[in-house]
C-alpha atoms as a PDB file:
ATOM      1  CA  GLY A   1     -44.263  83.202-114.245  1.00  0.00           C
ATOM      2  CA  SER A   2     -43.819  86.772-116.070  1.00  0.00           C
ATOM      3  CA  SER A   3     -46.510  88.556-117.807  1.00  0.00           C
ATOM      4  CA  VAL A   4     -46.278  91.488-120.045  1.00  0.00           C
ATOM      5  CA  HIS A   5     -49.354  92.662-121.524  1.00  0.00           C
ATOM      6  CA  GLY A   6     -50.772  95.959-123.199  1.00  0.00           C
ATOM      7  CA  VAL A   7     -47.277  97.407-124.026  1.00  0.00           C
ATOM      8  CA  ALA A   8     -45.642  99.522-127.066  1.00  0.00           C
ATOM      9  CA  ILE A   9     -41.923 100.055-127.403  1.00  0.00           C
ATOM     10  CA  LYS A  10     -40.211 102.108-129.647  1.00  0.00           C
ATOM     11  CA  TYR A  11     -36.891 102.629-129.945  1.00  0.00           C
ATOM     12  CA  ASP A  12     -35.212 106.026-129.872  1.00  0.00           C
ATOM     13  CA  GLN A  13     -32.811 105.049-132.761  1.00  0.00           C
ATOM     14  CA  GLU A  14     -34.221 105.016-136.009  1.00  0.00           C
ATOM     15  CA  THR A  15     -31.489 103.260-137.482  1.00  0.00           C
ATOM     16  CA  PRO A  16     -30.391 100.505-134.346  1.00  0.00           C
ATOM     17  CA  THR A  17     -27.225  98.692-134.830  1.00  0.00           C
ATOM     18  CA  THR A  18     -26.051  95.278-133.518  1.00  0.00           C
ATOM     19  CA  THR A  19     -24.733  96.780-130.111  1.00  0.00           C
ATOM     20  CA  ASN A  20     -28.551  97.204-129.513  1.00  0.00           C
ATOM     21  CA  VAL A  21     -30.113  94.612-126.868  1.00  0.00           C
ATOM     22  CA  PRO A  22     -33.613  93.195-128.103  1.00  0.00           C
ATOM     23  CA  ALA A  23     -36.690  94.503-126.984  1.00  0.00           C
ATOM     24  CA  ILE A  24     -37.772  91.843-125.021  1.00  0.00           C
ATOM     25  CA  SER A  25     -35.315  88.742-123.832  1.00  0.00           C
ATOM     26  CA  LEU A  26     -36.975  85.119-122.959  1.00  0.00           C
ATOM     27  CA  GLN A  27     -35.977  83.381-119.948  1.00  0.00           C
ATOM     28  CA  GLY A  28     -37.643  81.456-116.757  1.00  0.00           C
ATOM     29  CA  ASN A  29     -41.029  79.450-117.260  1.00  0.00           C
ATOM     30  CA  GLY A  30     -44.727  80.287-117.605  1.00  0.00           C
ATOM     31  CA  LEU A  31     -43.872  83.483-119.710  1.00  0.00           C
ATOM     32  CA  SER A  32     -47.002  85.330-121.049  1.00  0.00           C
ATOM     33  CA  LEU A  33     -46.869  88.132-123.620  1.00  0.00           C
ATOM     34  CA  SER A  34     -50.023  89.785-125.413  1.00  0.00           C
ATOM     35  CA  SER A  35     -51.157  92.744-127.174  1.00  0.00           C
ATOM     36  CA  ILE A  36     -47.901  94.307-127.524  1.00  0.00           C
ATOM     37  CA  ARG A  37     -46.361  96.408-130.351  1.00  0.00           C
ATOM     38  CA  ILE A  38     -42.553  96.910-131.107  1.00  0.00           C
ATOM     39  CA  GLN A  39     -41.026  99.369-133.182  1.00  0.00           C
ATOM     40  CA  ASN A  40     -37.493  99.948-134.711  1.00  0.00           C
ATOM     41  CA  PRO A  41     -35.669  97.270-132.894  1.00  0.00           C
ATOM     42  CA  TYR A  42     -32.648  95.480-134.044  1.00  0.00           C
ATOM     43  CA  ASP A  43     -33.701  92.045-132.526  1.00  0.00           C
ATOM     44  CA  ALA A  44     -37.657  92.199-131.420  1.00  0.00           C
ATOM     45  CA  ILE A  45     -37.915  89.277-129.391  1.00  0.00           C
ATOM     46  CA  ASN A  46     -35.203  86.259-128.334  1.00  0.00           C
ATOM     47  CA  THR A  47     -33.910  83.748-126.009  1.00  0.00           C
ATOM     48  CA  LEU A  48     -30.838  84.417-124.105  1.00  0.00           C
ATOM     49  CA  GLU A  49     -28.484  81.902-125.086  1.00  0.00           C
ATOM     50  CA  THR A  50     -28.395  80.267-121.705  1.00  0.00           C
ATOM     51  CA  ALA A  51     -32.106  80.016-121.246  1.00  0.00           C
ATOM     52  CA  GLN A  52     -34.655  77.163-121.312  1.00  0.00           C
ATOM     53  CA  PRO A  53     -38.047  79.143-121.618  1.00  0.00           C
ATOM     54  CA  GLY A  54     -40.829  76.750-120.685  1.00  0.00           C
ATOM     55  CA  ARG A  55     -44.531  77.133-121.268  1.00  0.00           C
ATOM     56  CA  ALA A  56     -44.139  80.405-123.294  1.00  0.00           C
ATOM     57  CA  ARG A  57     -47.425  81.903-124.412  1.00  0.00           C
ATOM     58  CA  LEU A  58     -46.721  84.891-126.948  1.00  0.00           C
ATOM     59  CA  SER A  59     -50.051  86.173-128.532  1.00  0.00           C
ATOM     60  CA  ASP A  60     -51.215  89.495-130.716  1.00  0.00           C
ATOM     61  CA  ILE A  61     -47.684  90.902-131.347  1.00  0.00           C
ATOM     62  CA  LEU A  62     -46.991  93.554-133.583  1.00  0.00           C
ATOM     63  CA  ILE A  63     -43.243  94.047-134.739  1.00  0.00           C
ATOM     64  CA  GLU A  64     -42.301  96.659-136.828  1.00  0.00           C
ATOM     65  CA  GLN A  65     -39.248  97.055-139.228  1.00  0.00           C
ATOM     66  CA  ALA A  66     -37.231  94.912-137.074  1.00  0.00           C
ATOM     67  CA  VAL A  67     -33.325  95.366-138.518  1.00  0.00           C
ATOM     68  CA  HIS A  68     -32.730  91.673-137.935  1.00  0.00           C
ATOM     69  CA  SER A  69     -34.829  89.059-136.728  1.00  0.00           C
ATOM     70  CA  GLY A  70     -38.031  89.473-135.302  1.00  0.00           C
ATOM     71  CA  VAL A  71     -39.064  86.508-132.945  1.00  0.00           C
ATOM     72  CA  GLN A  72     -36.656  83.547-131.963  1.00  0.00           C
ATOM     73  CA  ILE A  73     -36.837  80.717-129.491  1.00  0.00           C
ATOM     74  CA  SER A  74     -34.390  77.716-128.753  1.00  0.00           C
ATOM     75  CA  LYS A  75     -33.757  75.206-126.064  1.00  0.00           C
ATOM     76  CA  CYS A  76     -37.596  75.458-124.933  1.00  0.00           C
ATOM     77  CA  TYR A  77     -38.559  71.511-123.380  1.00  0.00           C
ATOM     78  CA  ASP A  78     -41.982  72.589-122.586  1.00  0.00           C
ATOM     79  CA  PHE A  79     -45.253  73.451-124.741  1.00  0.00           C
ATOM     80  CA  VAL A  80     -45.012  76.654-126.948  1.00  0.00           C
ATOM     81  CA  GLN A  81     -47.967  78.922-127.992  1.00  0.00           C
ATOM     82  CA  TYR A  82     -47.665  81.792-130.486  1.00  0.00           C
ATOM     83  CA  ARG A  83     -51.051  83.487-131.614  1.00  0.00           C
ATOM     84  CA  HIS A  84     -51.527  85.868-134.328  1.00  0.00           C
ATOM     85  CA  ILE A  85     -47.989  87.590-134.191  1.00  0.00           C
ATOM     86  CA  GLU A  86     -46.882  89.910-137.303  1.00  0.00           C
ATOM     87  CA  VAL A  87     -43.412  90.966-138.683  1.00  0.00           C
ATOM     88  CA  LEU A  88     -43.761  93.903-140.665  1.00  0.00           C
ATOM     89  CA  CYS A  89     -40.948  95.914-142.501  1.00  0.00           C
ATOM     90  CA  THR A  90     -42.798  98.498-144.606  1.00  0.00           C
ATOM     91  CA  GLY A  91     -39.491 100.126-145.188  1.00  0.00           C
ATOM     92  CA  ALA A  92     -35.883  98.265-145.918  1.00  0.00           C
ATOM     93  CA  MET A  93     -36.474  94.443-146.048  1.00  0.00           C
ATOM     94  CA  SER A  94     -35.251  92.775-142.583  1.00  0.00           C
ATOM     95  CA  THR A  95     -31.766  90.881-142.979  1.00  0.00           C
ATOM     96  CA  GLY A  96     -32.751  88.033-140.661  1.00  0.00           C
ATOM     97  CA  PRO A  97     -36.002  85.726-140.476  1.00  0.00           C
ATOM     98  CA  ALA A  98     -39.101  86.967-139.074  1.00  0.00           C
ATOM     99  CA  PHE A  99     -39.371  83.768-136.816  1.00  0.00           C
ATOM    100  CA  SER A 100     -36.553  81.721-135.898  1.00  0.00           C
ATOM    101  CA  PHE A 101     -36.694  78.171-134.055  1.00  0.00           C
ATOM    102  CA  GLY A 102     -33.926  76.304-132.564  1.00  0.00           C
ATOM    103  CA  ARG A 103     -34.516  73.120-130.460  1.00  0.00           C
ATOM    104  CA  VAL A 104     -37.802  73.408-129.414  1.00  0.00           C
ATOM    105  CA  ASP A 105     -40.082  70.136-128.070  1.00  0.00           C
ATOM    106  CA  GLU A 106     -43.793  70.565-128.948  1.00  0.00           C
ATOM    107  CA  GLY A 107     -45.836  73.808-129.789  1.00  0.00           C
ATOM    108  CA  GLY A 108     -48.865  74.946-131.303  1.00  0.00           C
ATOM    109  CA  TYR A 109     -48.557  78.047-133.918  1.00  0.00           C
ATOM    110  CA  VAL A 110     -50.998  79.815-135.674  1.00  0.00           C
ATOM    111  CA  GLY A 111     -51.727  83.442-137.596  1.00  0.00           C
ATOM    112  CA  LEU A 112     -47.658  83.830-137.881  1.00  0.00           C
ATOM    113  CA  VAL A 113     -47.173  86.523-140.767  1.00  0.00           C
ATOM    114  CA  ALA A 114     -43.984  87.910-141.936  1.00  0.00           C
ATOM    115  CA  SER A 115     -44.040  90.711-144.845  1.00  0.00           C
ATOM    116  CA  ASN A 116     -40.955  91.723-146.615  1.00  0.00           C
ATOM    117  CA  CYS A 117     -38.246  89.776-144.503  1.00  0.00           C
ATOM    118  CA  ALA A 118     -35.339  88.005-145.909  1.00  0.00           C
ATOM    119  CA  VAL A 119     -36.758  84.869-144.121  1.00  0.00           C
ATOM    120  CA  GLY A 120     -40.206  84.313-143.288  1.00  0.00           C
ATOM    121  CA  MET A 121     -39.776  81.487-140.809  1.00  0.00           C
ATOM    122  CA  GLN A 122     -36.279  79.562-139.742  1.00  0.00           C
ATOM    123  CA  PHE A 123     -35.712  76.241-138.370  1.00  0.00           C
ATOM    124  CA  TYR A 124     -32.287  75.749-137.467  1.00  0.00           C
ATOM    125  CA  ASP A 125     -29.619  73.353-135.278  1.00  0.00           C
ATOM    126  CA  ASP A 126     -28.859  75.064-132.044  1.00  0.00           C
ATOM    127  CA  THR A 127     -25.371  74.588-131.805  1.00  0.00           C
ATOM    128  CA  SER A 128     -24.362  76.875-128.794  1.00  0.00           C
ATOM    129  CA  THR A 129     -23.819  75.150-125.867  1.00  0.00           C
ATOM    130  CA  ASN A 130     -26.597  74.121-122.649  1.00  0.00           C
ATOM    131  CA  PRO A 131     -27.352  71.919-124.703  1.00  0.00           C
ATOM    132  CA  ALA A 132     -26.913  71.801-128.017  1.00  0.00           C
ATOM    133  CA  GLY A 133     -29.301  70.104-130.939  1.00  0.00           C
ATOM    134  CA  GLY A 134     -32.183  70.651-133.354  1.00  0.00           C
ATOM    135  CA  GLU A 135     -35.119  68.368-132.748  1.00  0.00           C
ATOM    136  CA  PHE A 136     -37.484  71.197-133.175  1.00  0.00           C
ATOM    137  CA  THR A 137     -41.507  69.757-132.799  1.00  0.00           C
ATOM    138  CA  GLY A 138     -44.527  71.556-134.227  1.00  0.00           C
ATOM    139  CA  SER A 139     -47.650  72.166-136.169  1.00  0.00           C
ATOM    140  CA  PHE A 140     -48.452  75.530-137.989  1.00  0.00           C
ATOM    141  CA  ALA A 141     -51.701  76.926-139.183  1.00  0.00           C
ATOM    142  CA  ALA A 142     -52.936  79.831-141.341  1.00  0.00           C
ATOM    143  CA  CYS A 143     -49.405  81.399-141.419  1.00  0.00           C
ATOM    144  CA  SER A 144     -48.737  83.921-144.244  1.00  0.00           C
ATOM    145  CA  MET A 145     -45.305  84.812-145.487  1.00  0.00           C
ATOM    146  CA  VAL A 146     -45.929  87.894-147.907  1.00  0.00           C
ATOM    147  CA  ASP A 147     -43.153  89.531-150.220  1.00  0.00           C
ATOM    148  CA  CYS A 148     -40.420  87.699-148.262  1.00  0.00           C
ATOM    149  CA  GLY A 149     -36.935  86.693-150.088  1.00  0.00           C
ATOM    150  CA  ILE A 150     -37.529  82.952-148.700  1.00  0.00           C
ATOM    151  CA  GLY A 151     -40.607  81.622-147.618  1.00  0.00           C
ATOM    152  CA  ILE A 152     -39.239  79.133-144.845  1.00  0.00           C
ATOM    153  CA  THR A 153     -35.737  77.639-144.364  1.00  0.00           C
ATOM    154  CA  VAL A 154     -35.464  74.331-142.496  1.00  0.00           C
ATOM    155  CA  ASN A 155     -31.736  73.078-141.567  1.00  0.00           C
ATOM    156  CA  GLY A 156     -31.360  70.254-139.133  1.00  0.00           C
ATOM    157  CA  ASP A 157     -33.278  67.458-137.379  1.00  0.00           C
ATOM    158  CA  HIS A 158     -36.682  68.757-137.097  1.00  0.00           C
ATOM    159  CA  LYS A 159     -40.606  66.996-137.495  1.00  0.00           C
ATOM    160  CA  ILE A 160     -42.544  70.145-138.840  1.00  0.00           C
ATOM    161  CA  LYS A 161     -46.449  70.408-140.059  1.00  0.00           C
ATOM    162  CA  ILE A 162     -47.421  73.505-141.958  1.00  0.00           C
ATOM    163  CA  SER A 163     -51.224  73.546-142.624  1.00  0.00           C
ATOM    164  CA  GLY A 164     -53.313  76.063-144.590  1.00  0.00           C
ATOM    165  CA  GLY A 165     -50.797  78.939-145.348  1.00  0.00           C
ATOM    166  CA  ASP A 166     -50.301  80.992-147.954  1.00  0.00           C
ATOM    167  CA  PHE A 167     -46.773  81.791-149.040  1.00  0.00           C
ATOM    168  CA  THR A 168     -45.652  84.391-151.529  1.00  0.00           C
ATOM    169  CA  SER A 169     -41.846  84.709-151.852  1.00  0.00           C
ATOM    170  CA  LEU A 170     -39.246  86.758-154.127  1.00  0.00           C
ATOM    171  CA  ASN A 171     -36.960  83.789-154.470  1.00  0.00           C
ATOM    172  CA  TYR A 172     -37.624  80.049-152.991  1.00  0.00           C
ATOM    173  CA  GLY A 173     -41.098  79.432-150.954  1.00  0.00           C
ATOM    174  CA  ALA A 174     -39.294  76.439-149.082  1.00  0.00           C
ATOM    175  CA  GLN A 175     -35.868  75.599-148.555  1.00  0.00           C
ATOM    176  CA  ILE A 176     -35.126  71.938-146.786  1.00  0.00           C
ATOM    177  CA  ASP A 177     -32.182  70.547-146.228  1.00  0.00           C
ATOM    178  CA  GLY A 178     -30.699  68.031-143.344  1.00  0.00           C
ATOM    179  CA  THR A 179     -31.543  64.837-141.159  1.00  0.00           C
ATOM    180  CA  ASN A 180     -35.010  66.188-140.790  1.00  0.00           C
ATOM    181  CA  THR A 181     -37.529  63.320-139.548  1.00  0.00           C
ATOM    182  CA  GLU A 182     -40.702  64.546-141.215  1.00  0.00           C
ATOM    183  CA  VAL A 183     -41.984  67.645-142.889  1.00  0.00           C
ATOM    184  CA  THR A 184     -45.583  67.701-143.655  1.00  0.00           C
ATOM    185  CA  ILE A 185     -46.825  70.816-145.865  1.00  0.00           C
ATOM    186  CA  ILE A 186     -50.813  70.150-146.562  1.00  0.00           C
ATOM    187  CA  GLY A 187     -53.561  72.728-147.742  1.00  0.00           C
ATOM    188  CA  GLY A 188     -51.267  75.460-148.812  1.00  0.00           C
ATOM    189  CA  LYS A 189     -50.800  78.110-151.492  1.00  0.00           C
ATOM    190  CA  TRP A 190     -47.037  78.339-152.599  1.00  0.00           C
ATOM    191  CA  GLN A 191     -45.980  81.211-154.801  1.00  0.00           C
ATOM    192  CA  ALA A 192     -42.167  81.541-155.952  1.00  0.00           C
ATOM    193  CA  ASN A 193     -41.474  84.316-158.284  1.00  0.00           C
ATOM    194  CA  SER A 194     -37.878  83.206-159.176  1.00  0.00           C
ATOM    195  CA  ASN A 195     -36.686  79.631-157.808  1.00  0.00           C
ATOM    196  CA  GLN A 196     -38.715  76.893-156.851  1.00  0.00           C
ATOM    197  CA  ALA A 197     -41.632  76.800-154.504  1.00  0.00           C
ATOM    198  CA  ILE A 198     -40.504  74.127-152.434  1.00  0.00           C
ATOM    199  CA  PHE A 199     -36.545  72.896-152.744  1.00  0.00           C
ATOM    200  CA  VAL A 200     -35.746  69.647-150.946  1.00  0.00           C
ATOM    201  CA  THR A 201     -31.929  69.024-151.088  1.00  0.00           C
ATOM    202  CA  GLN A 202     -32.165  66.429-148.007  1.00  0.00           C
ATOM    203  CA  ALA A 203     -34.757  64.928-145.563  1.00  0.00           C
ATOM    204  CA  ALA A 204     -35.807  61.561-144.299  1.00  0.00           C
ATOM    205  CA  ASN A 205     -39.793  62.000-144.863  1.00  0.00           C
ATOM    206  CA  ILE A 206     -41.623  64.616-146.979  1.00  0.00           C
ATOM    207  CA  ILE A 207     -45.080  64.783-147.716  1.00  0.00           C
ATOM    208  CA  PHE A 208     -46.994  67.352-149.819  1.00  0.00           C
ATOM    209  CA  ASP A 209     -51.038  66.927-149.492  1.00  0.00           C
ATOM    210  CA  HIS A 210     -53.293  68.950-151.301  1.00  0.00           C
ATOM    211  CA  ASN A 211     -51.480  72.370-151.925  1.00  0.00           C
ATOM    212  CA  VAL A 212     -51.543  74.881-154.760  1.00  0.00           C
ATOM    213  CA  PHE A 213     -48.204  75.246-156.502  1.00  0.00           C
ATOM    214  CA  CYS A 214     -47.961  78.499-158.831  1.00  0.00           C
ATOM    215  CA  ARG A 215     -45.714  81.323-159.994  1.00  0.00           C
ATOM    216  CA  ALA A 216     -46.331  85.010-160.876  1.00  0.00           C
ATOM    217  CA  GLY A 217     -45.158  84.643-164.515  1.00  0.00           C
ATOM    218  CA  PRO A 218     -43.118  81.428-166.793  1.00  0.00           C
ATOM    219  CA  VAL A 219     -39.561  80.313-165.304  1.00  0.00           C
ATOM    220  CA  PHE A 220     -37.699  77.774-166.232  1.00  0.00           C
ATOM    221  CA  ASN A 221     -37.048  76.000-162.869  1.00  0.00           C
ATOM    222  CA  PRO A 222     -39.279  73.322-161.655  1.00  0.00           C
ATOM    223  CA  LEU A 223     -42.100  74.300-159.123  1.00  0.00           C
ATOM    224  CA  VAL A 224     -41.303  71.770-156.696  1.00  0.00           C
ATOM    225  CA  TRP A 225     -37.609  69.783-156.707  1.00  0.00           C
ATOM    226  CA  ILE A 226     -36.555  67.087-154.374  1.00  0.00           C
ATOM    227  CA  GLN A 227     -33.593  65.171-153.622  1.00  0.00           C
ATOM    228  CA  ASN A 228     -31.914  62.724-151.275  1.00  0.00           C
ATOM    229  CA  CYS A 229     -35.006  61.603-149.342  1.00  0.00           C
ATOM    230  CA  THR A 230     -35.991  58.581-147.944  1.00  0.00           C
ATOM    231  CA  THR A 231     -39.512  58.801-148.333  1.00  0.00           C
ATOM    232  CA  VAL A 232     -41.216  61.057-150.365  1.00  0.00           C
ATOM    233  CA  THR A 233     -45.429  61.291-150.238  1.00  0.00           C
ATOM    234  CA  VAL A 234     -47.263  63.650-153.096  1.00  0.00           C
ATOM    235  CA  ASN A 235     -51.038  63.487-152.780  1.00  0.00           C
ATOM    236  CA  ASP A 236     -53.099  65.659-154.474  1.00  0.00           C
ATOM    237  CA  ASN A 237     -51.466  68.888-155.309  1.00  0.00           C
ATOM    238  CA  GLN A 238     -52.272  71.296-158.185  1.00  0.00           C
ATOM    239  CA  PHE A 239     -49.495  72.582-160.289  1.00  0.00           C
ATOM    240  CA  LEU A 240     -50.570  75.877-162.150  1.00  0.00           C
ATOM    241  CA  PRO A 241     -48.663  76.754-165.472  1.00  0.00           C
ATOM    242  CA  GLY A 242     -45.446  78.491-165.255  1.00  0.00           C
ATOM    243  CA  SER A 243     -42.587  75.675-165.294  1.00  0.00           C
ATOM    244  CA  THR A 244     -41.980  71.805-164.887  1.00  0.00           C
ATOM    245  CA  GLY A 245     -44.306  70.899-161.973  1.00  0.00           C
ATOM    246  CA  LEU A 246     -42.424  68.168-159.949  1.00  0.00           C
ATOM    247  CA  GLU A 247     -38.674  66.877-160.285  1.00  0.00           C
ATOM    248  CA  LEU A 248     -37.310  64.203-157.912  1.00  0.00           C
ATOM    249  CA  ASP A 249     -33.459  63.423-158.200  1.00  0.00           C
ATOM    250  CA  ARG A 250     -33.196  65.679-161.289  1.00  0.00           C
ATOM    251  CA  LYS A 251     -35.593  63.434-163.373  1.00  0.00           C
ATOM    252  CA  SER A 252     -38.477  65.353-164.360  1.00  0.00           C
ATOM    253  CA  VAL A 253     -41.964  63.266-163.847  1.00  0.00           C
ATOM    254  CA  VAL A 254     -44.428  65.297-164.558  1.00  0.00           C
END
């Protein structure tokens, strides 16, 4: 039941190292963090390896110039809510993800923003003990990834829905690989300046609905490339000029 509200944290050391503890560690149930600014951390907010936080509520948080990751959570077996959290790197690009999700059962996420981070959002299999696994379940709305190296990476067994987002990436918009139960991307704008806006290596079910896929300039790579999927649904998407639109298992269909 811990609560932290209206706090600014600034590290004295302007170039933190891996020996720095995170600004905030999550553990316990019923956590509530709001109106917080964290500046110059190595990791800003994360979950202890042995912790299983439940009913976490994080809102109105600004993280500036994280060296590694912004917000990381895993092994959470109860509903999580993230609202209006920004990870902003105005100097050097971060070396890790702005937002990182391991094993989380159910959640709601609105208005997450990442700027100039290596990865905007990362979904991964938590292979640490107590216990291991993936199985992320959650829905995202109105999120933005601005000038990140990769907008989203999805590795493991997850069920994710991303709706109404704006993703501008220097490399890939989204990389999806694993036994993911279902990845749904709906009503968003995806711009990738060099590789694919969406690149699926493997998944069970993929759904793309009412999205816009585009580039800053012409590139040989297809905008959406999908391989090794059980079911693929592509409905009412717009592929702007700049490259091949959609490629399935290396066979161009658009």
